[in-house]
Amino acid sequence: MPESLRILVVEDDDTLRESLSLALRAAGYEVRSERDGESIATVVREFPPDLAVLDVNLGPGPDGFAVARRLVTEHPDLTVIFLTAADSLTDRLTGFEVGADD
């Protein structure tokens, strides 16, 4: 049996983070969820993800764009998806500029 995809979820809304993590686990994925991006380097060393799902408006600490920039710089093959209510063209372009895939 192939190894399951490892997904890192970074979302500051507790309900959304836990619901998404639960759904992904139920679908067979290995999931690690974090409330913020403060210790992202340590998290990724302990749990190297195949995919990161990030909220743009994390708080306090670095926002999702900063977290994505750091992740993609250190792990260029990592797929990054933003899950956010921020839907302006500027937000979308910034997301792609920092290395998001969708």
PDB file of N, CA and C in Angstrom:
ATOM      1  N   MET A   1       0.852  -1.181   0.000  1.00  0.00           N
ATOM      2  CA  MET A   1       0.000   0.000   0.000  1.00  0.00           C
ATOM      3  C   MET A   1       0.892   1.236   0.000  1.00  0.00           C
ATOM      4  N   PRO A   2       0.613   2.241  -0.874  1.00  0.00           N
ATOM      5  CA  PRO A   2       1.444   3.433  -0.924  1.00  0.00           C
ATOM      6  C   PRO A   2       1.295   4.266   0.349  1.00  0.00           C
ATOM      7  N   GLU A   3       2.355   4.975   0.666  1.00  0.00           N
ATOM      8  CA  GLU A   3       2.345   5.862   1.829  1.00  0.00           C
ATOM      9  C   GLU A   3       1.347   6.984   1.578  1.00  0.00           C
ATOM     10  N   SER A   4       0.615   7.393   2.623  1.00  0.00           N
ATOM     11  CA  SER A   4      -0.388   8.438   2.431  1.00  0.00           C
ATOM     12  C   SER A   4       0.271   9.813   2.306  1.00  0.00           C
ATOM     13  N   LEU A   5      -0.428  10.680   1.626  1.00  0.00           N
ATOM     14  CA  LEU A   5       0.009  12.048   1.440  1.00  0.00           C
ATOM     15  C   LEU A   5       0.012  12.754   2.792  1.00  0.00           C
ATOM     16  N   ARG A   6       1.066  13.529   3.039  1.00  0.00           N
ATOM     17  CA  ARG A   6       1.184  14.267   4.302  1.00  0.00           C
ATOM     18  C   ARG A   6       0.782  15.712   4.060  1.00  0.00           C
ATOM     19  N   ILE A   7      -0.212  16.175   4.824  1.00  0.00           N
ATOM     20  CA  ILE A   7      -0.749  17.518   4.641  1.00  0.00           C
ATOM     21  C   ILE A   7      -0.579  18.328   5.918  1.00  0.00           C
ATOM     22  N   LEU A   8      -0.025  19.525   5.748  1.00  0.00           N
ATOM     23  CA  LEU A   8       0.110  20.484   6.843  1.00  0.00           C
ATOM     24  C   LEU A   8      -0.978  21.534   6.677  1.00  0.00           C
ATOM     25  N   VAL A   9      -1.806  21.703   7.703  1.00  0.00           N
ATOM     26  CA  VAL A   9      -2.871  22.702   7.708  1.00  0.00           C
ATOM     27  C   VAL A   9      -2.487  23.786   8.714  1.00  0.00           C
ATOM     28  N   VAL A  10      -2.410  25.034   8.250  1.00  0.00           N
ATOM     29  CA  VAL A  10      -2.114  26.154   9.142  1.00  0.00           C
ATOM     30  C   VAL A  10      -3.289  27.122   9.055  1.00  0.00           C
ATOM     31  N   GLU A  11      -4.071  27.148  10.125  1.00  0.00           N
ATOM     32  CA  GLU A  11      -5.320  27.926  10.163  1.00  0.00           C
ATOM     33  C   GLU A  11      -5.555  28.372  11.601  1.00  0.00           C
ATOM     34  N   ASP A  12      -5.821  29.663  11.816  1.00  0.00           N
ATOM     35  CA  ASP A  12      -5.996  30.152  13.181  1.00  0.00           C
ATOM     36  C   ASP A  12      -7.418  29.998  13.720  1.00  0.00           C
ATOM     37  N   ASP A  13      -8.377  29.707  12.867  1.00  0.00           N
ATOM     38  CA  ASP A  13      -9.739  29.449  13.317  1.00  0.00           C
ATOM     39  C   ASP A  13      -9.822  27.990  13.776  1.00  0.00           C
ATOM     40  N   ASP A  14     -10.014  27.801  15.073  1.00  0.00           N
ATOM     41  CA  ASP A  14      -9.987  26.450  15.657  1.00  0.00           C
ATOM     42  C   ASP A  14     -10.995  25.502  15.008  1.00  0.00           C
ATOM     43  N   THR A  15     -12.218  25.975  14.814  1.00  0.00           N
ATOM     44  CA  THR A  15     -13.255  25.121  14.252  1.00  0.00           C
ATOM     45  C   THR A  15     -12.923  24.702  12.830  1.00  0.00           C
ATOM     46  N   LEU A  16     -12.511  25.656  12.009  1.00  0.00           N
ATOM     47  CA  LEU A  16     -12.163  25.350  10.621  1.00  0.00           C
ATOM     48  C   LEU A  16     -10.956  24.425  10.541  1.00  0.00           C
ATOM     49  N   ARG A  17      -9.931  24.718  11.353  1.00  0.00           N
ATOM     50  CA  ARG A  17      -8.720  23.891  11.348  1.00  0.00           C
ATOM     51  C   ARG A  17      -9.040  22.450  11.727  1.00  0.00           C
ATOM     52  N   GLU A  18      -9.801  22.271  12.784  1.00  0.00           N
ATOM     53  CA  GLU A  18     -10.112  20.920  13.246  1.00  0.00           C
ATOM     54  C   GLU A  18     -11.052  20.198  12.282  1.00  0.00           C
ATOM     55  N   SER A  19     -12.015  20.908  11.720  1.00  0.00           N
ATOM     56  CA  SER A  19     -12.938  20.291  10.755  1.00  0.00           C
ATOM     57  C   SER A  19     -12.198  19.842   9.500  1.00  0.00           C
ATOM     58  N   LEU A  20     -11.352  20.702   8.978  1.00  0.00           N
ATOM     59  CA  LEU A  20     -10.583  20.362   7.778  1.00  0.00           C
ATOM     60  C   LEU A  20      -9.642  19.194   8.060  1.00  0.00           C
ATOM     61  N   SER A  21      -8.970  19.243   9.187  1.00  0.00           N
ATOM     62  CA  SER A  21      -8.042  18.165   9.549  1.00  0.00           C
ATOM     63  C   SER A  21      -8.774  16.835   9.702  1.00  0.00           C
ATOM     64  N   LEU A  22      -9.922  16.862  10.337  1.00  0.00           N
ATOM     65  CA  LEU A  22     -10.728  15.652  10.523  1.00  0.00           C
ATOM     66  C   LEU A  22     -11.170  15.085   9.172  1.00  0.00           C
ATOM     67  N   ALA A  23     -11.634  15.944   8.284  1.00  0.00           N
ATOM     68  CA  ALA A  23     -12.076  15.491   6.961  1.00  0.00           C
ATOM     69  C   ALA A  23     -10.920  14.903   6.158  1.00  0.00           C
ATOM     70  N   LEU A  24      -9.764  15.534   6.224  1.00  0.00           N
ATOM     71  CA  LEU A  24      -8.599  15.026   5.494  1.00  0.00           C
ATOM     72  C   LEU A  24      -8.131  13.683   6.057  1.00  0.00           C
ATOM     73  N   ARG A  25      -8.136  13.547   7.369  1.00  0.00           N
ATOM     74  CA  ARG A  25      -7.775  12.260   7.979  1.00  0.00           C
ATOM     75  C   ARG A  25      -8.764  11.174   7.576  1.00  0.00           C
ATOM     76  N   ALA A  26     -10.045  11.513   7.573  1.00  0.00           N
ATOM     77  CA  ALA A  26     -11.075  10.542   7.187  1.00  0.00           C
ATOM     78  C   ALA A  26     -10.899  10.096   5.730  1.00  0.00           C
ATOM     79  N   ALA A  27     -10.316  10.978   4.921  1.00  0.00           N
ATOM     80  CA  ALA A  27     -10.057  10.640   3.520  1.00  0.00           C
ATOM     81  C   ALA A  27      -8.756   9.859   3.347  1.00  0.00           C
ATOM     82  N   GLY A  28      -8.059   9.602   4.454  1.00  0.00           N
ATOM     83  CA  GLY A  28      -6.869   8.766   4.399  1.00  0.00           C
ATOM     84  C   GLY A  28      -5.537   9.498   4.397  1.00  0.00           C
ATOM     85  N   TYR A  29      -5.573  10.804   4.585  1.00  0.00           N
ATOM     86  CA  TYR A  29      -4.327  11.568   4.594  1.00  0.00           C
ATOM     87  C   TYR A  29      -3.740  11.648   5.993  1.00  0.00           C
ATOM     88  N   GLU A  30      -2.440  11.796   6.053  1.00  0.00           N
ATOM     89  CA  GLU A  30      -1.749  12.041   7.310  1.00  0.00           C
ATOM     90  C   GLU A  30      -1.687  13.558   7.478  1.00  0.00           C
ATOM     91  N   VAL A  31      -2.209  14.076   8.601  1.00  0.00           N
ATOM     92  CA  VAL A  31      -2.394  15.517   8.758  1.00  0.00           C
ATOM     93  C   VAL A  31      -1.731  16.019  10.033  1.00  0.00           C
ATOM     94  N   ARG A  32      -1.113  17.174   9.900  1.00  0.00           N
ATOM     95  CA  ARG A  32      -0.636  17.923  11.065  1.00  0.00           C
ATOM     96  C   ARG A  32      -1.255  19.298  10.961  1.00  0.00           C
ATOM     97  N   SER A  33      -1.857  19.770  12.030  1.00  0.00           N
ATOM     98  CA  SER A  33      -2.487  21.087  11.991  1.00  0.00           C
ATOM     99  C   SER A  33      -1.819  22.004  13.009  1.00  0.00           C
ATOM    100  N   GLU A  34      -1.683  23.251  12.595  1.00  0.00           N
ATOM    101  CA  GLU A  34      -1.061  24.280  13.431  1.00  0.00           C
ATOM    102  C   GLU A  34      -1.943  25.513  13.436  1.00  0.00           C
ATOM    103  N   ARG A  35      -1.919  26.203  14.555  1.00  0.00           N
ATOM    104  CA  ARG A  35      -2.723  27.414  14.720  1.00  0.00           C
ATOM    105  C   ARG A  35      -2.068  28.622  14.077  1.00  0.00           C
ATOM    106  N   ASP A  36      -0.743  28.635  14.004  1.00  0.00           N
ATOM    107  CA  ASP A  36      -0.025  29.785  13.445  1.00  0.00           C
ATOM    108  C   ASP A  36       1.268  29.321  12.801  1.00  0.00           C
ATOM    109  N   GLY A  37       1.994  30.263  12.217  1.00  0.00           N
ATOM    110  CA  GLY A  37       3.228  29.928  11.525  1.00  0.00           C
ATOM    111  C   GLY A  37       4.480  30.223  12.306  1.00  0.00           C
ATOM    112  N   GLU A  38       4.344  30.477  13.603  1.00  0.00           N
ATOM    113  CA  GLU A  38       5.484  30.857  14.442  1.00  0.00           C
ATOM    114  C   GLU A  38       6.629  29.851  14.385  1.00  0.00           C
ATOM    115  N   SER A  39       6.334  28.589  14.512  1.00  0.00           N
ATOM    116  CA  SER A  39       7.387  27.570  14.591  1.00  0.00           C
ATOM    117  C   SER A  39       7.382  26.666  13.358  1.00  0.00           C
ATOM    118  N   ILE A  40       7.097  27.246  12.208  1.00  0.00           N
ATOM    119  CA  ILE A  40       6.913  26.458  10.993  1.00  0.00           C
ATOM    120  C   ILE A  40       8.160  25.659  10.614  1.00  0.00           C
ATOM    121  N   ALA A  41       9.350  26.201  10.839  1.00  0.00           N
ATOM    122  CA  ALA A  41      10.579  25.475  10.483  1.00  0.00           C
ATOM    123  C   ALA A  41      10.685  24.181  11.278  1.00  0.00           C
ATOM    124  N   THR A  42      10.400  24.242  12.562  1.00  0.00           N
ATOM    125  CA  THR A  42      10.449  23.053  13.410  1.00  0.00           C
ATOM    126  C   THR A  42       9.367  22.063  13.001  1.00  0.00           C
ATOM    127  N   VAL A  43       8.188  22.565  12.745  1.00  0.00           N
ATOM    128  CA  VAL A  43       7.068  21.709  12.352  1.00  0.00           C
ATOM    129  C   VAL A  43       7.412  20.929  11.091  1.00  0.00           C
ATOM    130  N   VAL A  44       7.976  21.603  10.090  1.00  0.00           N
ATOM    131  CA  VAL A  44       8.285  20.956   8.819  1.00  0.00           C
ATOM    132  C   VAL A  44       9.426  19.956   8.956  1.00  0.00           C
ATOM    133  N   ARG A  45      10.347  20.212   9.867  1.00  0.00           N
ATOM    134  CA  ARG A  45      11.409  19.219  10.124  1.00  0.00           C
ATOM    135  C   ARG A  45      10.822  17.959  10.735  1.00  0.00           C
ATOM    136  N   GLU A  46       9.886  18.110  11.663  1.00  0.00           N
ATOM    137  CA  GLU A  46       9.269  16.966  12.340  1.00  0.00           C
ATOM    138  C   GLU A  46       8.242  16.251  11.459  1.00  0.00           C
ATOM    139  N   PHE A  47       7.604  16.986  10.566  1.00  0.00           N
ATOM    140  CA  PHE A  47       6.519  16.463   9.737  1.00  0.00           C
ATOM    141  C   PHE A  47       6.674  17.045   8.330  1.00  0.00           C
ATOM    142  N   PRO A  48       7.575  16.478   7.518  1.00  0.00           N
ATOM    143  CA  PRO A  48       7.775  17.017   6.173  1.00  0.00           C
ATOM    144  C   PRO A  48       6.529  16.784   5.306  1.00  0.00           C
ATOM    145  N   PRO A  49       5.795  17.855   4.984  1.00  0.00           N
ATOM    146  CA  PRO A  49       4.546  17.672   4.242  1.00  0.00           C
ATOM    147  C   PRO A  49       4.753  17.583   2.734  1.00  0.00           C
ATOM    148  N   ASP A  50       3.774  16.978   2.075  1.00  0.00           N
ATOM    149  CA  ASP A  50       3.707  16.976   0.620  1.00  0.00           C
ATOM    150  C   ASP A  50       2.888  18.164   0.136  1.00  0.00           C
ATOM    151  N   LEU A  51       1.987  18.621   0.996  1.00  0.00           N
ATOM    152  CA  LEU A  51       1.069  19.703   0.675  1.00  0.00           C
ATOM    153  C   LEU A  51       0.861  20.560   1.913  1.00  0.00           C
ATOM    154  N   ALA A  52       0.837  21.887   1.729  1.00  0.00           N
ATOM    155  CA  ALA A  52       0.508  22.798   2.822  1.00  0.00           C
ATOM    156  C   ALA A  52      -0.752  23.564   2.445  1.00  0.00           C
ATOM    157  N   VAL A  53      -1.722  23.586   3.354  1.00  0.00           N
ATOM    158  CA  VAL A  53      -2.947  24.361   3.190  1.00  0.00           C
ATOM    159  C   VAL A  53      -2.867  25.479   4.210  1.00  0.00           C
ATOM    160  N   LEU A  54      -2.812  26.727   3.710  1.00  0.00           N
ATOM    161  CA  LEU A  54      -2.569  27.879   4.575  1.00  0.00           C
ATOM    162  C   LEU A  54      -3.701  28.884   4.519  1.00  0.00           C
ATOM    163  N   ASP A  55      -4.001  29.479   5.663  1.00  0.00           N
ATOM    164  CA  ASP A  55      -4.883  30.629   5.726  1.00  0.00           C
ATOM    165  C   ASP A  55      -4.019  31.866   5.483  1.00  0.00           C
ATOM    166  N   VAL A  56      -4.518  32.842   4.744  1.00  0.00           N
ATOM    167  CA  VAL A  56      -3.761  34.076   4.509  1.00  0.00           C
ATOM    168  C   VAL A  56      -3.704  34.916   5.771  1.00  0.00           C
ATOM    169  N   ASN A  57      -4.832  35.051   6.447  1.00  0.00           N
ATOM    170  CA  ASN A  57      -4.944  35.969   7.581  1.00  0.00           C
ATOM    171  C   ASN A  57      -4.689  35.295   8.915  1.00  0.00           C
ATOM    172  N   LEU A  58      -3.498  34.761   9.069  1.00  0.00           N
ATOM    173  CA  LEU A  58      -3.126  34.162  10.345  1.00  0.00           C
ATOM    174  C   LEU A  58      -2.815  35.274  11.335  1.00  0.00           C
ATOM    175  N   GLY A  59      -3.034  35.007  12.576  1.00  0.00           N
ATOM    176  CA  GLY A  59      -2.673  36.011  13.566  1.00  0.00           C
ATOM    177  C   GLY A  59      -2.624  35.370  14.925  1.00  0.00           C
ATOM    178  N   PRO A  60      -1.861  35.833  15.809  1.00  0.00           N
ATOM    179  CA  PRO A  60      -0.757  36.779  15.614  1.00  0.00           C
ATOM    180  C   PRO A  60       0.438  36.084  14.957  1.00  0.00           C
ATOM    181  N   GLY A  61       1.443  36.844  14.652  1.00  0.00           N
ATOM    182  CA  GLY A  61       2.638  36.278  14.033  1.00  0.00           C
ATOM    183  C   GLY A  61       2.603  36.451  12.536  1.00  0.00           C
ATOM    184  N   PRO A  62       3.412  35.668  11.824  1.00  0.00           N
ATOM    185  CA  PRO A  62       3.490  35.827  10.379  1.00  0.00           C
ATOM    186  C   PRO A  62       2.171  35.458   9.705  1.00  0.00           C
ATOM    187  N   ASP A  63       1.829  36.203   8.639  1.00  0.00           N
ATOM    188  CA  ASP A  63       0.619  35.866   7.892  1.00  0.00           C
ATOM    189  C   ASP A  63       0.901  34.687   6.962  1.00  0.00           C
ATOM    190  N   GLY A  64      -0.130  34.218   6.295  1.00  0.00           N
ATOM    191  CA  GLY A  64       0.010  33.056   5.417  1.00  0.00           C
ATOM    192  C   GLY A  64       0.979  33.281   4.274  1.00  0.00           C
ATOM    193  N   PHE A  65       1.059  34.525   3.773  1.00  0.00           N
ATOM    194  CA  PHE A  65       2.001  34.823   2.703  1.00  0.00           C
ATOM    195  C   PHE A  65       3.437  34.631   3.178  1.00  0.00           C
ATOM    196  N   ALA A  66       3.735  35.108   4.376  1.00  0.00           N
ATOM    197  CA  ALA A  66       5.089  34.953   4.933  1.00  0.00           C
ATOM    198  C   ALA A  66       5.408  33.482   5.179  1.00  0.00           C
ATOM    199  N   VAL A  67       4.427  32.735   5.676  1.00  0.00           N
ATOM    200  CA  VAL A  67       4.631  31.304   5.917  1.00  0.00           C
ATOM    201  C   VAL A  67       4.883  30.591   4.591  1.00  0.00           C
ATOM    202  N   ALA A  68       4.089  30.917   3.568  1.00  0.00           N
ATOM    203  CA  ALA A  68       4.276  30.282   2.252  1.00  0.00           C
ATOM    204  C   ALA A  68       5.642  30.620   1.678  1.00  0.00           C
ATOM    205  N   ARG A  69       6.034  31.869   1.783  1.00  0.00           N
ATOM    206  CA  ARG A  69       7.336  32.298   1.255  1.00  0.00           C
ATOM    207  C   ARG A  69       8.459  31.479   1.895  1.00  0.00           C
ATOM    208  N   ARG A  70       8.380  31.315   3.188  1.00  0.00           N
ATOM    209  CA  ARG A  70       9.418  30.560   3.900  1.00  0.00           C
ATOM    210  C   ARG A  70       9.393  29.082   3.506  1.00  0.00           C
ATOM    211  N   LEU A  71       8.211  28.508   3.460  1.00  0.00           N
ATOM    212  CA  LEU A  71       8.095  27.090   3.100  1.00  0.00           C
ATOM    213  C   LEU A  71       8.635  26.821   1.701  1.00  0.00           C
ATOM    214  N   VAL A  72       8.240  27.644   0.742  1.00  0.00           N
ATOM    215  CA  VAL A  72       8.647  27.421  -0.642  1.00  0.00           C
ATOM    216  C   VAL A  72      10.135  27.683  -0.831  1.00  0.00           C
ATOM    217  N   THR A  73      10.674  28.645  -0.099  1.00  0.00           N
ATOM    218  CA  THR A  73      12.114  28.916  -0.181  1.00  0.00           C
ATOM    219  C   THR A  73      12.913  27.718   0.318  1.00  0.00           C
ATOM    220  N   GLU A  74      12.482  27.136   1.422  1.00  0.00           N
ATOM    221  CA  GLU A  74      13.211  26.025   2.028  1.00  0.00           C
ATOM    222  C   GLU A  74      12.844  24.671   1.422  1.00  0.00           C
ATOM    223  N   HIS A  75      11.664  24.573   0.802  1.00  0.00           N
ATOM    224  CA  HIS A  75      11.166  23.309   0.235  1.00  0.00           C
ATOM    225  C   HIS A  75      10.506  23.605  -1.109  1.00  0.00           C
ATOM    226  N   PRO A  76      11.305  23.850  -2.153  1.00  0.00           N
ATOM    227  CA  PRO A  76      10.760  24.301  -3.434  1.00  0.00           C
ATOM    228  C   PRO A  76       9.780  23.343  -4.103  1.00  0.00           C
ATOM    229  N   ASP A  77       9.797  22.075  -3.757  1.00  0.00           N
ATOM    230  CA  ASP A  77       8.870  21.114  -4.369  1.00  0.00           C
ATOM    231  C   ASP A  77       7.540  20.996  -3.624  1.00  0.00           C
ATOM    232  N   LEU A  78       7.405  21.718  -2.521  1.00  0.00           N
ATOM    233  CA  LEU A  78       6.190  21.651  -1.721  1.00  0.00           C
ATOM    234  C   LEU A  78       5.033  22.336  -2.451  1.00  0.00           C
ATOM    235  N   THR A  79       3.895  21.686  -2.484  1.00  0.00           N
ATOM    236  CA  THR A  79       2.688  22.277  -3.050  1.00  0.00           C
ATOM    237  C   THR A  79       1.997  23.084  -1.960  1.00  0.00           C
ATOM    238  N   VAL A  80       1.622  24.327  -2.282  1.00  0.00           N
ATOM    239  CA  VAL A  80       0.972  25.224  -1.318  1.00  0.00           C
ATOM    240  C   VAL A  80      -0.364  25.681  -1.882  1.00  0.00           C
ATOM    241  N   ILE A  81      -1.394  25.547  -1.061  1.00  0.00           N
ATOM    242  CA  ILE A  81      -2.737  26.010  -1.411  1.00  0.00           C
ATOM    243  C   ILE A  81      -3.206  26.947  -0.303  1.00  0.00           C
ATOM    244  N   PHE A  82      -3.764  28.094  -0.699  1.00  0.00           N
ATOM    245  CA  PHE A  82      -4.362  28.999   0.280  1.00  0.00           C
ATOM    246  C   PHE A  82      -5.840  28.706   0.402  1.00  0.00           C
ATOM    247  N   LEU A  83      -6.305  28.610   1.635  1.00  0.00           N
ATOM    248  CA  LEU A  83      -7.719  28.458   1.958  1.00  0.00           C
ATOM    249  C   LEU A  83      -8.082  29.718   2.722  1.00  0.00           C
ATOM    250  N   THR A  84      -8.793  30.635   2.063  1.00  0.00           N
ATOM    251  CA  THR A  84      -8.993  31.934   2.678  1.00  0.00           C
ATOM    252  C   THR A  84     -10.213  32.646   2.134  1.00  0.00           C
ATOM    253  N   ALA A  85     -10.702  33.588   2.902  1.00  0.00           N
ATOM    254  CA  ALA A  85     -11.786  34.454   2.447  1.00  0.00           C
ATOM    255  C   ALA A  85     -11.235  35.648   1.682  1.00  0.00           C
ATOM    256  N   ALA A  86      -9.926  35.872   1.744  1.00  0.00           N
ATOM    257  CA  ALA A  86      -9.300  36.983   1.017  1.00  0.00           C
ATOM    258  C   ALA A  86      -9.312  36.646  -0.465  1.00  0.00           C
ATOM    259  N   ASP A  87     -10.126  37.364  -1.239  1.00  0.00           N
ATOM    260  CA  ASP A  87     -10.282  36.985  -2.638  1.00  0.00           C
ATOM    261  C   ASP A  87     -10.029  38.118  -3.631  1.00  0.00           C
ATOM    262  N   SER A  88      -9.363  39.168  -3.184  1.00  0.00           N
ATOM    263  CA  SER A  88      -9.077  40.250  -4.121  1.00  0.00           C
ATOM    264  C   SER A  88      -8.006  39.803  -5.114  1.00  0.00           C
ATOM    265  N   LEU A  89      -7.949  40.476  -6.229  1.00  0.00           N
ATOM    266  CA  LEU A  89      -6.938  40.170  -7.230  1.00  0.00           C
ATOM    267  C   LEU A  89      -5.540  40.329  -6.641  1.00  0.00           C
ATOM    268  N   THR A  90      -5.353  41.354  -5.818  1.00  0.00           N
ATOM    269  CA  THR A  90      -4.054  41.572  -5.172  1.00  0.00           C
ATOM    270  C   THR A  90      -3.672  40.388  -4.291  1.00  0.00           C
ATOM    271  N   ASP A  91      -4.630  39.894  -3.519  1.00  0.00           N
ATOM    272  CA  ASP A  91      -4.360  38.725  -2.667  1.00  0.00           C
ATOM    273  C   ASP A  91      -3.984  37.514  -3.512  1.00  0.00           C
ATOM    274  N   ARG A  92      -4.696  37.298  -4.595  1.00  0.00           N
ATOM    275  CA  ARG A  92      -4.405  36.153  -5.467  1.00  0.00           C
ATOM    276  C   ARG A  92      -3.018  36.271  -6.085  1.00  0.00           C
ATOM    277  N   LEU A  93      -2.712  37.463  -6.597  1.00  0.00           N
ATOM    278  CA  LEU A  93      -1.385  37.659  -7.211  1.00  0.00           C
ATOM    279  C   LEU A  93      -0.268  37.511  -6.191  1.00  0.00           C
ATOM    280  N   THR A  94      -0.486  38.044  -4.992  1.00  0.00           N
ATOM    281  CA  THR A  94       0.520  37.903  -3.936  1.00  0.00           C
ATOM    282  C   THR A  94       0.716  36.429  -3.599  1.00  0.00           C
ATOM    283  N   GLY A  95      -0.354  35.680  -3.532  1.00  0.00           N
ATOM    284  CA  GLY A  95      -0.253  34.261  -3.253  1.00  0.00           C
ATOM    285  C   GLY A  95       0.604  33.544  -4.275  1.00  0.00           C
ATOM    286  N   PHE A  96       0.371  33.817  -5.534  1.00  0.00           N
ATOM    287  CA  PHE A  96       1.175  33.180  -6.587  1.00  0.00           C
ATOM    288  C   PHE A  96       2.629  33.661  -6.544  1.00  0.00           C
ATOM    289  N   GLU A  97       2.837  34.941  -6.218  1.00  0.00           N
ATOM    290  CA  GLU A  97       4.191  35.476  -6.132  1.00  0.00           C
ATOM    291  C   GLU A  97       5.024  34.807  -5.040  1.00  0.00           C
ATOM    292  N   VAL A  98       4.362  34.435  -3.935  1.00  0.00           N
ATOM    293  CA  VAL A  98       5.104  33.805  -2.836  1.00  0.00           C
ATOM    294  C   VAL A  98       5.232  32.300  -3.014  1.00  0.00           C
ATOM    295  N   GLY A  99       4.655  31.764  -4.093  1.00  0.00           N
ATOM    296  CA  GLY A  99       4.882  30.357  -4.397  1.00  0.00           C
ATOM    297  C   GLY A  99       3.690  29.444  -4.264  1.00  0.00           C
ATOM    298  N   ALA A 100       2.492  30.003  -4.065  1.00  0.00           N
ATOM    299  CA  ALA A 100       1.310  29.158  -3.953  1.00  0.00           C
ATOM    300  C   ALA A 100       0.981  28.518  -5.288  1.00  0.00           C
ATOM    301  N   ASP A 101       0.411  27.332  -5.230  1.00  0.00           N
ATOM    302  CA  ASP A 101      -0.008  26.616  -6.423  1.00  0.00           C
ATOM    303  C   ASP A 101      -1.482  26.877  -6.731  1.00  0.00           C
ATOM    304  N   ASP A 102      -2.250  27.209  -5.716  1.00  0.00           N
ATOM    305  CA  ASP A 102      -3.672  27.503  -5.921  1.00  0.00           C
ATOM    306  C   ASP A 102      -4.218  28.255  -4.725  1.00  0.00           C
TER     307      ASP A 102
END
